[in-house]
């Protein structure tokens, strides 16, 4: 069942922009196309590079258009609009209610997302929340309550859709029986652990994650995550380890494979296509229960660090 009035003409609003996150530019450009001269001034060289590497035909998602934008800093909204061909700028995010069919919240600070999403959830608009959906238990409980009420909310990381990691999953039998997954990431656990976790998560059965032990210190998070299958997962999130951004290695009884995330455009586009398909059909690309489990892993990692590296069972994070 469609979640929008017209599946062939879905009007989207991109609402919010935080420091060091260029998703308002990139997500909007993937959907709308873009103006190269204005995009060159966006301040995100990586976005300019991967957009520039695409053929014109790669842009656009059938039936969808970003029609409205709002940014936390009013100076940013005209820049995003000019670069990503968005016709309408609003002074307050709530102004889009009644003007659009769904909302994209492209910010990655988890503890802001309940307040950012609330006006639109309560207005009945479908909402996509960038990763991480939350970084505290109270907010996770709020999102779960909303979804249990039937509110159409999605969240996730584009790394789930990375063609590099999809190919790795398809080749997994080449290494015998899987024993260990190692994933590295930079930035903070609160903001970027979900990237690493969502890349790893599809390799193992959902609903079977057991515990997290975080023995890091300072800006380093060194975690051992267990799964009921017996496969061990090590995730390293170290603030300034830019050289480890999105690197994965999988080890089995007869061999090993590795890949790294360097395919932002197809990953983000697949993520956005998944959301648009959800709007058109009402069918999620993956169950919301998976997002909840991933958030529990993030929160268990934080709790383990706070209590001196104690093993924290996922079951301790009760929603």
C-alpha atoms as a PDB file:
ATOM      1  CA  UNK A   1       0.000   0.000   0.000  1.00  0.00           C
ATOM      2  CA  UNK A   2       1.461   3.330  -1.048  1.00  0.00           C
ATOM      3  CA  UNK A   3       2.400   5.825   1.663  1.00  0.00           C
ATOM      4  CA  UNK A   4       2.067   8.869  -0.605  1.00  0.00           C
ATOM      5  CA  UNK A   5      -0.729  10.543  -2.549  1.00  0.00           C
ATOM      6  CA  UNK A   6       0.894  10.004  -5.967  1.00  0.00           C
ATOM      7  CA  UNK A   7       3.664   7.395  -6.340  1.00  0.00           C
ATOM      8  CA  UNK A   8       4.652   8.957  -9.665  1.00  0.00           C
ATOM      9  CA  UNK A   9       5.171  12.429  -8.212  1.00  0.00           C
ATOM     10  CA  UNK A  10       6.752  12.163  -4.762  1.00  0.00           C
ATOM     11  CA  UNK A  11       7.800  15.513  -3.292  1.00  0.00           C
ATOM     12  CA  UNK A  12      10.654  15.227  -0.797  1.00  0.00           C
ATOM     13  CA  UNK A  13      12.038  17.715   1.708  1.00  0.00           C
ATOM     14  CA  UNK A  14      15.681  17.596   2.835  1.00  0.00           C
ATOM     15  CA  UNK A  15      15.778  19.112   6.307  1.00  0.00           C
ATOM     16  CA  UNK A  16      18.898  19.857   8.333  1.00  0.00           C
ATOM     17  CA  UNK A  17      22.638  20.139   7.874  1.00  0.00           C
ATOM     18  CA  UNK A  18      25.387  19.647  10.456  1.00  0.00           C
ATOM     19  CA  UNK A  19      29.133  20.179  10.415  1.00  0.00           C
ATOM     20  CA  UNK A  20      31.216  17.774   8.320  1.00  0.00           C
ATOM     21  CA  UNK A  21      28.181  16.128   6.701  1.00  0.00           C
ATOM     22  CA  UNK A  22      27.409  16.933   3.074  1.00  0.00           C
ATOM     23  CA  UNK A  23      24.403  14.655   2.602  1.00  0.00           C
ATOM     24  CA  UNK A  24      22.034  17.546   1.813  1.00  0.00           C
ATOM     25  CA  UNK A  25      24.160  18.216  -1.253  1.00  0.00           C
ATOM     26  CA  UNK A  26      24.818  14.619  -2.280  1.00  0.00           C
ATOM     27  CA  UNK A  27      21.447  12.999  -1.559  1.00  0.00           C
ATOM     28  CA  UNK A  28      19.602  15.828  -3.286  1.00  0.00           C
ATOM     29  CA  UNK A  29      21.945  15.677  -6.278  1.00  0.00           C
ATOM     30  CA  UNK A  30      21.492  11.921  -6.630  1.00  0.00           C
ATOM     31  CA  UNK A  31      17.719  12.442  -6.819  1.00  0.00           C
ATOM     32  CA  UNK A  32      17.538  15.751  -8.751  1.00  0.00           C
ATOM     33  CA  UNK A  33      20.773  15.992 -10.692  1.00  0.00           C
ATOM     34  CA  UNK A  34      23.039  18.948 -10.003  1.00  0.00           C
ATOM     35  CA  UNK A  35      24.721  22.108 -11.231  1.00  0.00           C
ATOM     36  CA  UNK A  36      28.477  21.444 -11.441  1.00  0.00           C
ATOM     37  CA  UNK A  37      29.543  25.068 -11.011  1.00  0.00           C
ATOM     38  CA  UNK A  38      27.550  25.501  -7.805  1.00  0.00           C
ATOM     39  CA  UNK A  39      28.431  22.036  -6.521  1.00  0.00           C
ATOM     40  CA  UNK A  40      32.127  22.886  -6.910  1.00  0.00           C
ATOM     41  CA  UNK A  41      31.619  25.422  -4.115  1.00  0.00           C
ATOM     42  CA  UNK A  42      29.937  23.000  -1.688  1.00  0.00           C
ATOM     43  CA  UNK A  43      33.100  22.453   0.359  1.00  0.00           C
ATOM     44  CA  UNK A  44      33.075  18.653   0.087  1.00  0.00           C
ATOM     45  CA  UNK A  45      35.710  17.562  -2.425  1.00  0.00           C
ATOM     46  CA  UNK A  46      34.786  13.898  -2.155  1.00  0.00           C
ATOM     47  CA  UNK A  47      31.179  14.635  -3.119  1.00  0.00           C
ATOM     48  CA  UNK A  48      32.290  16.672  -6.115  1.00  0.00           C
ATOM     49  CA  UNK A  49      34.553  13.821  -7.171  1.00  0.00           C
ATOM     50  CA  UNK A  50      32.050  10.989  -7.038  1.00  0.00           C
ATOM     51  CA  UNK A  51      29.250  13.039  -8.566  1.00  0.00           C
ATOM     52  CA  UNK A  52      31.585  14.079 -11.364  1.00  0.00           C
ATOM     53  CA  UNK A  53      32.515  10.462 -12.046  1.00  0.00           C
ATOM     54  CA  UNK A  54      28.920   9.546 -12.945  1.00  0.00           C
ATOM     55  CA  UNK A  55      27.204   9.557 -16.313  1.00  0.00           C
ATOM     56  CA  UNK A  56      24.208  11.873 -16.597  1.00  0.00           C
ATOM     57  CA  UNK A  57      21.889   8.851 -16.805  1.00  0.00           C
ATOM     58  CA  UNK A  58      22.933   7.720 -13.313  1.00  0.00           C
ATOM     59  CA  UNK A  59      21.062  10.584 -11.666  1.00  0.00           C
ATOM     60  CA  UNK A  60      17.412  10.585 -10.749  1.00  0.00           C
ATOM     61  CA  UNK A  61      15.015   8.223  -8.997  1.00  0.00           C
ATOM     62  CA  UNK A  62      11.824   7.458 -10.866  1.00  0.00           C
ATOM     63  CA  UNK A  63       8.844   9.338  -9.464  1.00  0.00           C
ATOM     64  CA  UNK A  64      10.772  11.315  -6.821  1.00  0.00           C
ATOM     65  CA  UNK A  65      12.056  14.870  -6.563  1.00  0.00           C
ATOM     66  CA  UNK A  66      13.566  16.969  -3.773  1.00  0.00           C
ATOM     67  CA  UNK A  67      11.372  20.064  -3.829  1.00  0.00           C
ATOM     68  CA  UNK A  68      12.160  21.752  -0.498  1.00  0.00           C
ATOM     69  CA  UNK A  69      15.253  22.321   1.638  1.00  0.00           C
ATOM     70  CA  UNK A  70      16.006  23.787   5.058  1.00  0.00           C
ATOM     71  CA  UNK A  71      19.417  24.016   6.740  1.00  0.00           C
ATOM     72  CA  UNK A  72      20.329  24.806  10.351  1.00  0.00           C
ATOM     73  CA  UNK A  73      22.454  27.706   9.137  1.00  0.00           C
ATOM     74  CA  UNK A  74      20.324  29.853   6.803  1.00  0.00           C
ATOM     75  CA  UNK A  75      23.410  30.596   4.712  1.00  0.00           C
ATOM     76  CA  UNK A  76      23.646  26.948   3.656  1.00  0.00           C
ATOM     77  CA  UNK A  77      20.160  26.427   2.229  1.00  0.00           C
ATOM     78  CA  UNK A  78      20.613  28.613  -0.896  1.00  0.00           C
ATOM     79  CA  UNK A  79      23.922  26.882  -1.576  1.00  0.00           C
ATOM     80  CA  UNK A  80      22.336  23.425  -1.389  1.00  0.00           C
ATOM     81  CA  UNK A  81      19.362  24.555  -3.467  1.00  0.00           C
ATOM     82  CA  UNK A  82      21.545  26.016  -6.218  1.00  0.00           C
ATOM     83  CA  UNK A  83      23.882  23.038  -6.332  1.00  0.00           C
ATOM     84  CA  UNK A  84      21.187  20.350  -6.239  1.00  0.00           C
ATOM     85  CA  UNK A  85      18.417  22.039  -8.224  1.00  0.00           C
ATOM     86  CA  UNK A  86      15.917  22.392  -5.354  1.00  0.00           C
ATOM     87  CA  UNK A  87      13.222  24.968  -6.153  1.00  0.00           C
ATOM     88  CA  UNK A  88      12.002  25.855  -2.660  1.00  0.00           C
ATOM     89  CA  UNK A  89      13.826  27.080   0.468  1.00  0.00           C
ATOM     90  CA  UNK A  90      11.897  27.312   3.750  1.00  0.00           C
ATOM     91  CA  UNK A  91      12.686  29.446   6.791  1.00  0.00           C
ATOM     92  CA  UNK A  92      11.502  26.783   9.263  1.00  0.00           C
ATOM     93  CA  UNK A  93      11.413  23.026   8.695  1.00  0.00           C
ATOM     94  CA  UNK A  94       7.759  22.702   9.737  1.00  0.00           C
ATOM     95  CA  UNK A  95       6.768  24.865   6.756  1.00  0.00           C
ATOM     96  CA  UNK A  96       7.069  21.825   4.487  1.00  0.00           C
ATOM     97  CA  UNK A  97       4.102  20.102   6.162  1.00  0.00           C
ATOM     98  CA  UNK A  98       1.337  20.070   3.587  1.00  0.00           C
ATOM     99  CA  UNK A  99       3.826  20.855   0.802  1.00  0.00           C
ATOM    100  CA  UNK A 100       5.708  17.548   0.557  1.00  0.00           C
ATOM    101  CA  UNK A 101       4.954  13.832   0.723  1.00  0.00           C
ATOM    102  CA  UNK A 102       7.931  12.692   2.805  1.00  0.00           C
ATOM    103  CA  UNK A 103      10.971  13.995   4.652  1.00  0.00           C
ATOM    104  CA  UNK A 104      14.679  13.163   4.586  1.00  0.00           C
ATOM    105  CA  UNK A 105      16.657  14.123   7.700  1.00  0.00           C
ATOM    106  CA  UNK A 106      20.280  13.930   6.505  1.00  0.00           C
ATOM    107  CA  UNK A 107      22.039  14.742   9.801  1.00  0.00           C
ATOM    108  CA  UNK A 108      24.189  12.273  11.732  1.00  0.00           C
ATOM    109  CA  UNK A 109      23.953  13.406  15.367  1.00  0.00           C
ATOM    110  CA  UNK A 110      21.787  10.767  16.981  1.00  0.00           C
ATOM    111  CA  UNK A 111      20.557  12.659  20.031  1.00  0.00           C
ATOM    112  CA  UNK A 112      19.040  15.356  17.783  1.00  0.00           C
ATOM    113  CA  UNK A 113      16.896  13.037  15.713  1.00  0.00           C
ATOM    114  CA  UNK A 114      13.828  12.683  17.915  1.00  0.00           C
ATOM    115  CA  UNK A 115      13.362  16.446  18.043  1.00  0.00           C
ATOM    116  CA  UNK A 116      14.125  16.846  14.333  1.00  0.00           C
ATOM    117  CA  UNK A 117      11.685  14.104  13.346  1.00  0.00           C
ATOM    118  CA  UNK A 118       8.874  14.786  15.806  1.00  0.00           C
ATOM    119  CA  UNK A 119       6.893  17.477  13.890  1.00  0.00           C
ATOM    120  CA  UNK A 120       6.745  15.343  10.760  1.00  0.00           C
ATOM    121  CA  UNK A 121       6.066  12.036  12.492  1.00  0.00           C
ATOM    122  CA  UNK A 122       3.201  13.673  14.392  1.00  0.00           C
ATOM    123  CA  UNK A 123       1.917  15.194  11.132  1.00  0.00           C
ATOM    124  CA  UNK A 124       1.795  11.706   9.605  1.00  0.00           C
ATOM    125  CA  UNK A 125       4.591  12.237   7.079  1.00  0.00           C
ATOM    126  CA  UNK A 126       6.981   9.372   6.293  1.00  0.00           C
ATOM    127  CA  UNK A 127      10.473  10.164   7.577  1.00  0.00           C
ATOM    128  CA  UNK A 128      13.916   8.828   6.706  1.00  0.00           C
ATOM    129  CA  UNK A 129      16.537   9.488   9.400  1.00  0.00           C
ATOM    130  CA  UNK A 130      20.232   9.329   8.569  1.00  0.00           C
ATOM    131  CA  UNK A 131      22.503   7.079  10.596  1.00  0.00           C
ATOM    132  CA  UNK A 132      22.727   6.745  13.517  1.00  0.00           C
ATOM    133  CA  UNK A 133      19.033   6.945  14.269  1.00  0.00           C
ATOM    134  CA  UNK A 134      19.833   7.475  17.974  1.00  0.00           C
ATOM    135  CA  UNK A 135      22.687   7.469  20.446  1.00  0.00           C
ATOM    136  CA  UNK A 136      20.721   7.059  23.682  1.00  0.00           C
ATOM    137  CA  UNK A 137      18.193   4.549  24.956  1.00  0.00           C
ATOM    138  CA  UNK A 138      15.367   6.998  25.646  1.00  0.00           C
ATOM    139  CA  UNK A 139      15.368   8.119  22.014  1.00  0.00           C
ATOM    140  CA  UNK A 140      15.443   4.533  20.753  1.00  0.00           C
ATOM    141  CA  UNK A 141      12.359   3.827  22.845  1.00  0.00           C
ATOM    142  CA  UNK A 142      10.627   6.846  21.311  1.00  0.00           C
ATOM    143  CA  UNK A 143      11.290   5.709  17.736  1.00  0.00           C
ATOM    144  CA  UNK A 144      10.175   2.166  18.570  1.00  0.00           C
ATOM    145  CA  UNK A 145       6.966   3.550  20.081  1.00  0.00           C
ATOM    146  CA  UNK A 146       6.284   5.596  16.962  1.00  0.00           C
ATOM    147  CA  UNK A 147       6.833   2.645  14.634  1.00  0.00           C
ATOM    148  CA  UNK A 148       4.646   0.456  16.838  1.00  0.00           C
ATOM    149  CA  UNK A 149       1.929   3.082  16.343  1.00  0.00           C
ATOM    150  CA  UNK A 150       2.272   2.605  12.589  1.00  0.00           C
ATOM    151  CA  UNK A 151       4.405   5.674  11.858  1.00  0.00           C
ATOM    152  CA  UNK A 152       6.411   5.151   8.620  1.00  0.00           C
ATOM    153  CA  UNK A 153       9.992   5.737   9.784  1.00  0.00           C
ATOM    154  CA  UNK A 154      13.197   4.359   8.265  1.00  0.00           C
ATOM    155  CA  UNK A 155      16.857   4.788   9.154  1.00  0.00           C
ATOM    156  CA  UNK A 156      20.146   3.305   8.070  1.00  0.00           C
ATOM    157  CA  UNK A 157      23.610   3.631   6.579  1.00  0.00           C
ATOM    158  CA  UNK A 158      24.441   3.520   2.897  1.00  0.00           C
ATOM    159  CA  UNK A 159      27.229   1.057   3.673  1.00  0.00           C
ATOM    160  CA  UNK A 160      24.606  -1.695   3.845  1.00  0.00           C
ATOM    161  CA  UNK A 161      24.179  -1.166   0.081  1.00  0.00           C
ATOM    162  CA  UNK A 162      27.838  -0.818  -0.917  1.00  0.00           C
ATOM    163  CA  UNK A 163      28.416  -2.908  -4.071  1.00  0.00           C
ATOM    164  CA  UNK A 164      31.871  -3.758  -2.700  1.00  0.00           C
ATOM    165  CA  UNK A 165      30.392  -5.326   0.421  1.00  0.00           C
ATOM    166  CA  UNK A 166      27.483  -6.928  -1.448  1.00  0.00           C
ATOM    167  CA  UNK A 167      30.032  -8.677  -3.670  1.00  0.00           C
ATOM    168  CA  UNK A 168      31.953  -9.779  -0.581  1.00  0.00           C
ATOM    169  CA  UNK A 169      28.797 -11.383   0.829  1.00  0.00           C
ATOM    170  CA  UNK A 170      28.149 -13.137  -2.470  1.00  0.00           C
ATOM    171  CA  UNK A 171      31.686 -14.610  -2.418  1.00  0.00           C
ATOM    172  CA  UNK A 172      31.664 -15.628   1.232  1.00  0.00           C
ATOM    173  CA  UNK A 173      31.583 -19.381   0.491  1.00  0.00           C
ATOM    174  CA  UNK A 174      35.014 -19.063  -1.114  1.00  0.00           C
ATOM    175  CA  UNK A 175      36.608 -18.840   2.353  1.00  0.00           C
ATOM    176  CA  UNK A 176      35.003 -21.943   3.858  1.00  0.00           C
ATOM    177  CA  UNK A 177      33.134 -21.457   7.110  1.00  0.00           C
ATOM    178  CA  UNK A 178      33.159 -17.857   8.296  1.00  0.00           C
ATOM    179  CA  UNK A 179      35.000 -17.329  11.588  1.00  0.00           C
ATOM    180  CA  UNK A 180      35.910 -13.644  11.926  1.00  0.00           C
ATOM    181  CA  UNK A 181      34.925 -10.251  10.493  1.00  0.00           C
ATOM    182  CA  UNK A 182      37.146  -7.225  11.092  1.00  0.00           C
ATOM    183  CA  UNK A 183      35.918  -3.709  10.252  1.00  0.00           C
ATOM    184  CA  UNK A 184      37.679  -0.372  10.685  1.00  0.00           C
ATOM    185  CA  UNK A 185      36.263   3.142  10.743  1.00  0.00           C
ATOM    186  CA  UNK A 186      37.303   6.656  11.716  1.00  0.00           C
ATOM    187  CA  UNK A 187      35.358   9.395  13.543  1.00  0.00           C
ATOM    188  CA  UNK A 188      33.451   8.787  16.790  1.00  0.00           C
ATOM    189  CA  UNK A 189      31.616   5.657  17.899  1.00  0.00           C
ATOM    190  CA  UNK A 190      28.438   7.701  18.399  1.00  0.00           C
ATOM    191  CA  UNK A 191      28.378   8.997  14.809  1.00  0.00           C
ATOM    192  CA  UNK A 192      30.222   6.413  12.694  1.00  0.00           C
ATOM    193  CA  UNK A 193      30.079   3.030  14.419  1.00  0.00           C
ATOM    194  CA  UNK A 194      26.752   2.461  12.657  1.00  0.00           C
ATOM    195  CA  UNK A 195      28.537   2.674   9.283  1.00  0.00           C
ATOM    196  CA  UNK A 196      30.832  -0.176  10.287  1.00  0.00           C
ATOM    197  CA  UNK A 197      28.071  -2.179  11.945  1.00  0.00           C
ATOM    198  CA  UNK A 198      25.608  -1.875   9.094  1.00  0.00           C
ATOM    199  CA  UNK A 199      28.258  -3.021   6.629  1.00  0.00           C
ATOM    200  CA  UNK A 200      28.931  -6.113   8.762  1.00  0.00           C
ATOM    201  CA  UNK A 201      25.360  -6.843   9.858  1.00  0.00           C
ATOM    202  CA  UNK A 202      24.048  -8.557   6.666  1.00  0.00           C
ATOM    203  CA  UNK A 203      26.791 -11.199   6.832  1.00  0.00           C
ATOM    204  CA  UNK A 204      25.112 -12.856   9.823  1.00  0.00           C
ATOM    205  CA  UNK A 205      21.556 -13.728  10.819  1.00  0.00           C
ATOM    206  CA  UNK A 206      19.549 -10.853  12.306  1.00  0.00           C
ATOM    207  CA  UNK A 207      18.184 -11.162  15.802  1.00  0.00           C
ATOM    208  CA  UNK A 208      21.155 -13.272  16.907  1.00  0.00           C
ATOM    209  CA  UNK A 209      23.670 -10.661  18.088  1.00  0.00           C
ATOM    210  CA  UNK A 210      24.841 -11.401  21.632  1.00  0.00           C
ATOM    211  CA  UNK A 211      27.206  -8.922  23.264  1.00  0.00           C
ATOM    212  CA  UNK A 212      29.651  -6.051  22.911  1.00  0.00           C
ATOM    213  CA  UNK A 213      32.924  -5.491  24.760  1.00  0.00           C
ATOM    214  CA  UNK A 214      34.548  -2.106  24.238  1.00  0.00           C
ATOM    215  CA  UNK A 215      38.073  -1.880  25.642  1.00  0.00           C
ATOM    216  CA  UNK A 216      39.130   1.312  23.908  1.00  0.00           C
ATOM    217  CA  UNK A 217      40.418   4.465  25.547  1.00  0.00           C
ATOM    218  CA  UNK A 218      40.359   8.137  24.687  1.00  0.00           C
ATOM    219  CA  UNK A 219      39.116   8.568  21.133  1.00  0.00           C
ATOM    220  CA  UNK A 220      39.682   4.893  20.329  1.00  0.00           C
ATOM    221  CA  UNK A 221      36.908   2.281  20.418  1.00  0.00           C
ATOM    222  CA  UNK A 222      38.168  -1.304  20.204  1.00  0.00           C
ATOM    223  CA  UNK A 223      35.219  -3.670  20.272  1.00  0.00           C
ATOM    224  CA  UNK A 224      34.596  -7.397  20.248  1.00  0.00           C
ATOM    225  CA  UNK A 225      31.047  -8.236  19.198  1.00  0.00           C
ATOM    226  CA  UNK A 226      29.659 -11.748  19.494  1.00  0.00           C
ATOM    227  CA  UNK A 227      26.937 -13.507  17.517  1.00  0.00           C
ATOM    228  CA  UNK A 228      25.034 -16.686  18.356  1.00  0.00           C
ATOM    229  CA  UNK A 229      26.496 -18.338  15.242  1.00  0.00           C
ATOM    230  CA  UNK A 230      29.904 -18.310  16.933  1.00  0.00           C
ATOM    231  CA  UNK A 231      31.382 -15.869  14.400  1.00  0.00           C
ATOM    232  CA  UNK A 232      33.416 -13.144  16.093  1.00  0.00           C
ATOM    233  CA  UNK A 233      33.319  -9.532  14.931  1.00  0.00           C
ATOM    234  CA  UNK A 234      35.967  -6.921  15.727  1.00  0.00           C
ATOM    235  CA  UNK A 235      35.120  -3.291  15.003  1.00  0.00           C
ATOM    236  CA  UNK A 236      37.725  -0.569  15.470  1.00  0.00           C
ATOM    237  CA  UNK A 237      36.507   3.042  15.439  1.00  0.00           C
ATOM    238  CA  UNK A 238      39.383   5.472  15.979  1.00  0.00           C
ATOM    239  CA  UNK A 239      38.760   9.182  15.629  1.00  0.00           C
ATOM    240  CA  UNK A 240      41.626  10.210  13.323  1.00  0.00           C
ATOM    241  CA  UNK A 241      42.124   6.873  11.525  1.00  0.00           C
ATOM    242  CA  UNK A 242      40.983   8.219   8.169  1.00  0.00           C
ATOM    243  CA  UNK A 243      43.095   5.579   6.431  1.00  0.00           C
ATOM    244  CA  UNK A 244      40.837   2.920   7.933  1.00  0.00           C
ATOM    245  CA  UNK A 245      37.576   4.395   6.704  1.00  0.00           C
ATOM    246  CA  UNK A 246      35.287   1.548   5.672  1.00  0.00           C
ATOM    247  CA  UNK A 247      37.793  -1.320   5.463  1.00  0.00           C
ATOM    248  CA  UNK A 248      36.491  -4.868   5.954  1.00  0.00           C
ATOM    249  CA  UNK A 249      38.231  -8.246   6.086  1.00  0.00           C
ATOM    250  CA  UNK A 250      36.484 -11.604   6.454  1.00  0.00           C
ATOM    251  CA  UNK A 251      38.307 -14.766   7.520  1.00  0.00           C
ATOM    252  CA  UNK A 252      37.192 -18.359   7.165  1.00  0.00           C
ATOM    253  CA  UNK A 253      38.414 -21.901   7.607  1.00  0.00           C
ATOM    254  CA  UNK A 254      40.035 -21.994   4.167  1.00  0.00           C
ATOM    255  CA  UNK A 255      40.715 -18.407   3.111  1.00  0.00           C
ATOM    256  CA  UNK A 256      40.051 -14.706   3.489  1.00  0.00           C
ATOM    257  CA  UNK A 257      38.671 -11.774   1.502  1.00  0.00           C
ATOM    258  CA  UNK A 258      38.706  -8.003   1.936  1.00  0.00           C
ATOM    259  CA  UNK A 259      37.078  -4.877   0.529  1.00  0.00           C
ATOM    260  CA  UNK A 260      36.791  -1.201   1.316  1.00  0.00           C
ATOM    261  CA  UNK A 261      34.100   1.405   0.869  1.00  0.00           C
ATOM    262  CA  UNK A 262      34.911   3.568  -2.147  1.00  0.00           C
ATOM    263  CA  UNK A 263      31.575   3.421  -3.951  1.00  0.00           C
ATOM    264  CA  UNK A 264      29.575   6.164  -2.264  1.00  0.00           C
ATOM    265  CA  UNK A 265      27.356   7.076  -5.207  1.00  0.00           C
ATOM    266  CA  UNK A 266      25.868   3.622  -5.933  1.00  0.00           C
ATOM    267  CA  UNK A 267      25.557   2.876  -2.211  1.00  0.00           C
ATOM    268  CA  UNK A 268      23.729   6.116  -1.433  1.00  0.00           C
ATOM    269  CA  UNK A 269      21.566   5.831  -4.526  1.00  0.00           C
ATOM    270  CA  UNK A 270      20.524   2.271  -3.636  1.00  0.00           C
ATOM    271  CA  UNK A 271      19.686   3.465  -0.124  1.00  0.00           C
ATOM    272  CA  UNK A 272      17.525   6.295  -1.459  1.00  0.00           C
ATOM    273  CA  UNK A 273      15.858   4.009  -4.005  1.00  0.00           C
ATOM    274  CA  UNK A 274      14.996   1.683  -1.113  1.00  0.00           C
ATOM    275  CA  UNK A 275      13.316   4.555   0.710  1.00  0.00           C
ATOM    276  CA  UNK A 276      11.403   5.726  -2.365  1.00  0.00           C
ATOM    277  CA  UNK A 277      10.226   2.163  -3.002  1.00  0.00           C
ATOM    278  CA  UNK A 278       9.039   2.058   0.630  1.00  0.00           C
ATOM    279  CA  UNK A 279       7.030   5.219  -0.028  1.00  0.00           C
ATOM    280  CA  UNK A 280       5.542   3.745  -3.191  1.00  0.00           C
ATOM    281  CA  UNK A 281       4.670   0.294  -1.843  1.00  0.00           C
ATOM    282  CA  UNK A 282       4.712   0.394   1.963  1.00  0.00           C
ATOM    283  CA  UNK A 283       7.212  -2.498   1.920  1.00  0.00           C
ATOM    284  CA  UNK A 284      10.441  -1.899   3.826  1.00  0.00           C
ATOM    285  CA  UNK A 285      13.748  -2.928   2.210  1.00  0.00           C
ATOM    286  CA  UNK A 286      14.627  -4.503   5.590  1.00  0.00           C
ATOM    287  CA  UNK A 287      12.627  -4.875   8.809  1.00  0.00           C
ATOM    288  CA  UNK A 288      12.703  -2.041  11.320  1.00  0.00           C
ATOM    289  CA  UNK A 289      13.674  -4.680  13.899  1.00  0.00           C
ATOM    290  CA  UNK A 290      17.108  -4.781  12.238  1.00  0.00           C
ATOM    291  CA  UNK A 291      17.561  -1.049  12.802  1.00  0.00           C
ATOM    292  CA  UNK A 292      16.567  -1.517  16.435  1.00  0.00           C
ATOM    293  CA  UNK A 293      19.084  -4.338  16.883  1.00  0.00           C
ATOM    294  CA  UNK A 294      21.823  -2.237  15.299  1.00  0.00           C
ATOM    295  CA  UNK A 295      21.031   0.649  17.630  1.00  0.00           C
ATOM    296  CA  UNK A 296      21.213  -1.738  20.572  1.00  0.00           C
ATOM    297  CA  UNK A 297      24.709  -2.780  19.455  1.00  0.00           C
ATOM    298  CA  UNK A 298      25.755   0.883  19.264  1.00  0.00           C
ATOM    299  CA  UNK A 299      24.339   1.562  22.725  1.00  0.00           C
ATOM    300  CA  UNK A 300      25.882  -1.603  24.185  1.00  0.00           C
ATOM    301  CA  UNK A 301      29.260  -0.423  22.885  1.00  0.00           C
ATOM    302  CA  UNK A 302      28.811   2.913  24.617  1.00  0.00           C
ATOM    303  CA  UNK A 303      27.705   1.260  27.853  1.00  0.00           C
ATOM    304  CA  UNK A 304      30.644  -1.165  27.814  1.00  0.00           C
ATOM    305  CA  UNK A 305      33.091   1.713  27.431  1.00  0.00           C
ATOM    306  CA  UNK A 306      31.396   3.631  30.272  1.00  0.00           C
ATOM    307  CA  UNK A 307      31.717   0.682  32.685  1.00  0.00           C
ATOM    308  CA  UNK A 308      35.382  -0.002  32.056  1.00  0.00           C
ATOM    309  CA  UNK A 309      35.203  -2.488  29.212  1.00  0.00           C
ATOM    310  CA  UNK A 310      32.719  -4.918  30.739  1.00  0.00           C
ATOM    311  CA  UNK A 311      31.004  -7.311  28.355  1.00  0.00           C
ATOM    312  CA  UNK A 312      27.492  -5.954  27.805  1.00  0.00           C
ATOM    313  CA  UNK A 313      24.792  -8.324  26.582  1.00  0.00           C
ATOM    314  CA  UNK A 314      22.550  -6.923  23.867  1.00  0.00           C
ATOM    315  CA  UNK A 315      19.614  -8.081  26.006  1.00  0.00           C
ATOM    316  CA  UNK A 316      20.601  -5.472  28.612  1.00  0.00           C
ATOM    317  CA  UNK A 317      19.489  -2.729  26.191  1.00  0.00           C
ATOM    318  CA  UNK A 318      15.778  -3.056  26.823  1.00  0.00           C
ATOM    319  CA  UNK A 319      13.270  -1.167  24.696  1.00  0.00           C
END
